[in-house]
Amino acid sequence: MGRIFQCNTMPFGLKVAPFLWTKVFPPVVQALRREGFRVISYVNDFGGAPPTRAPTASTAGEALEGWERVRELFSQLGVTLHPTKGVWDGTHCLPLLGFLVDTRRRLFLLQPTRATKIMGMAGRLLSSAKTHLRWVRLSALRSFCGMAVSTHLAVTSARLHLRSLYTAMRDHLDRRSNREQLGRQGMQDLQWWQVLTQHAELGRALWPRATDLTLTTDASGLAWGATGDGLVPARGFHRPSRRRLHINLLELGAVRLGLLSFVDVLRQPDTVVRLRTDSLVTLHVINTGSSRSIALMEEMRRLHAVCLSLGVTLRAEYIPSALNMWADRLSRTRDSTDWTLRCDAFLKFERLYGPHTVDVFATAETKRCGRFFSRFASPGAAGVYAMQQSWRGENSWANPPFNLVGPVIQKLIHQQAAVTLVAPHWPAQPWWPLAVSACSAVHYLPPKDGVFVHGRRVGLAQRPWWGTVVFRFEGGCATLSPV
């Protein structure tokens, strides 16, 4: 349908006699399309664009020629055209089926009179609900929902802001009563409809423009994964409170978390994101903006709020699971290097050497500071891969994977950075003499304060057999000269 208006002028719009049935016209529309016309038809309303002689916008002359061809065809078929309800002079803005088709702005818009009527209905329902403890007449609510849902072609989030009202009508138990009590979400949605024309979600593009980012997502019971343009990975582990959620909720949540991971890429306004997911439920909820599941709707509202704040338009499509390998691997791979200290053990060193400004090896779940660097892109991360970031001017907390302790010591000495470093008690390692000579203090931790893998039970049985030490480097007083 979007390709119908790939032009700068709207060629024609006409209304035929209303007594004709809808089954009469499909062959006529097909014949016009074979000739190159681009046609929208519904019952007895038609709008379209004529065939063009070049891959450019049609002209007013081409619009008139197209109109003459259509009028001739309808006359041959014995179809009577309405004498006054028609626009065939090549206008840029055409009323069609209760909407405005604006080819200059390239938008499918809601007619002002229709928007005013819907806002008035919402205002009356809201006023009644406020004065009657959120009780409204069921018949008035049904009328409003029927009118409002018909705007979804121009109001992109119409179904999203009607789902709570449909749920209230679905859960109506007393069939003899004409009253229904709205929930808090229903009241909020009515307030949204009351000021409909003030929202940015009005107007649907006549044809899609090129995407700015391809986001591929996946989720498992352990974590979520995403890739940006198939090159940049993002990942995060579910908090304990989310691990027992249904996989459909986790898949939909992965889209929101994936967007938040690439905030720096999405800074430009009106960004179009091509979303690829192997979850048919996620695909349906995003494309329709609605679901009968209350939990899915809560997650969808969170995603919608993120899209609004970032100025993002999602264009979702399905990808088979067999082709979603990278995001799938990111969501299922355990991170055995994600060691951390208990909070009370960290607080001891925070009092000694703090406040620490950044946790340079962390995730959103294991961070010990407000700012953190993560291995992969993730929501809230100040940077990705700490070894590529500058530590100068920071008072860093570092609990790196143990295979990186040596490079970390060389980096902090080279940059003369102030760092509190958590490391294993391994005197036989090549980096140990350098760390002992360069640090200002060494703390040997008791077993109860040792490291543990995030996500596992914090008990002595879950801790490693080796000891843990904490080095303090003040910065500016060490060199890489041999010890």
Foldseek 3Di string as FASTA:
>chain_A
DLVQLQAQWFAKKFFWDQVDAPVVCPVVVVVQVVQPWRWDDDRGIIGGDHHDPDPYHDDQVRSLVRVVVVVVVCVVVVIGTDPPGMDGRGHQWDDTPQWICHSNVQWTFHDPVLLVVLLVLLVVLLVVCVVVVQKGFQVSLVVSLVSQVVQCRFQVQSQLLCQQSVLQVVPDDPPVGRMTGGDPSNSVSSVCSNPVVVDPRGIDGSDDDDAQWEKEKAADLFWIWIDINNPAIDIDGDDPVCSPDDRLLRRLLRVQFRCLLPLVSLQDAQGEYEYEYQDPSNQVCLNRVYDNDPSVSVSSVSSVVSCVVSNYDYDYDYDHPVVSPPRVCRNPDDDPQAKAWDLVLVVVVCVVQDDFAEAEEHGPVRTNHQEYEYCGRTRRHPYHDSLPDQQPPGQYEYEGRAVCPQVVLQRCQVNQHWYKYKYWPDCPDPCNVQLVVQFPDKAWDDLLGAIAHPPDDSDSVRGDPTTMMITTHGGDRHDPDDD
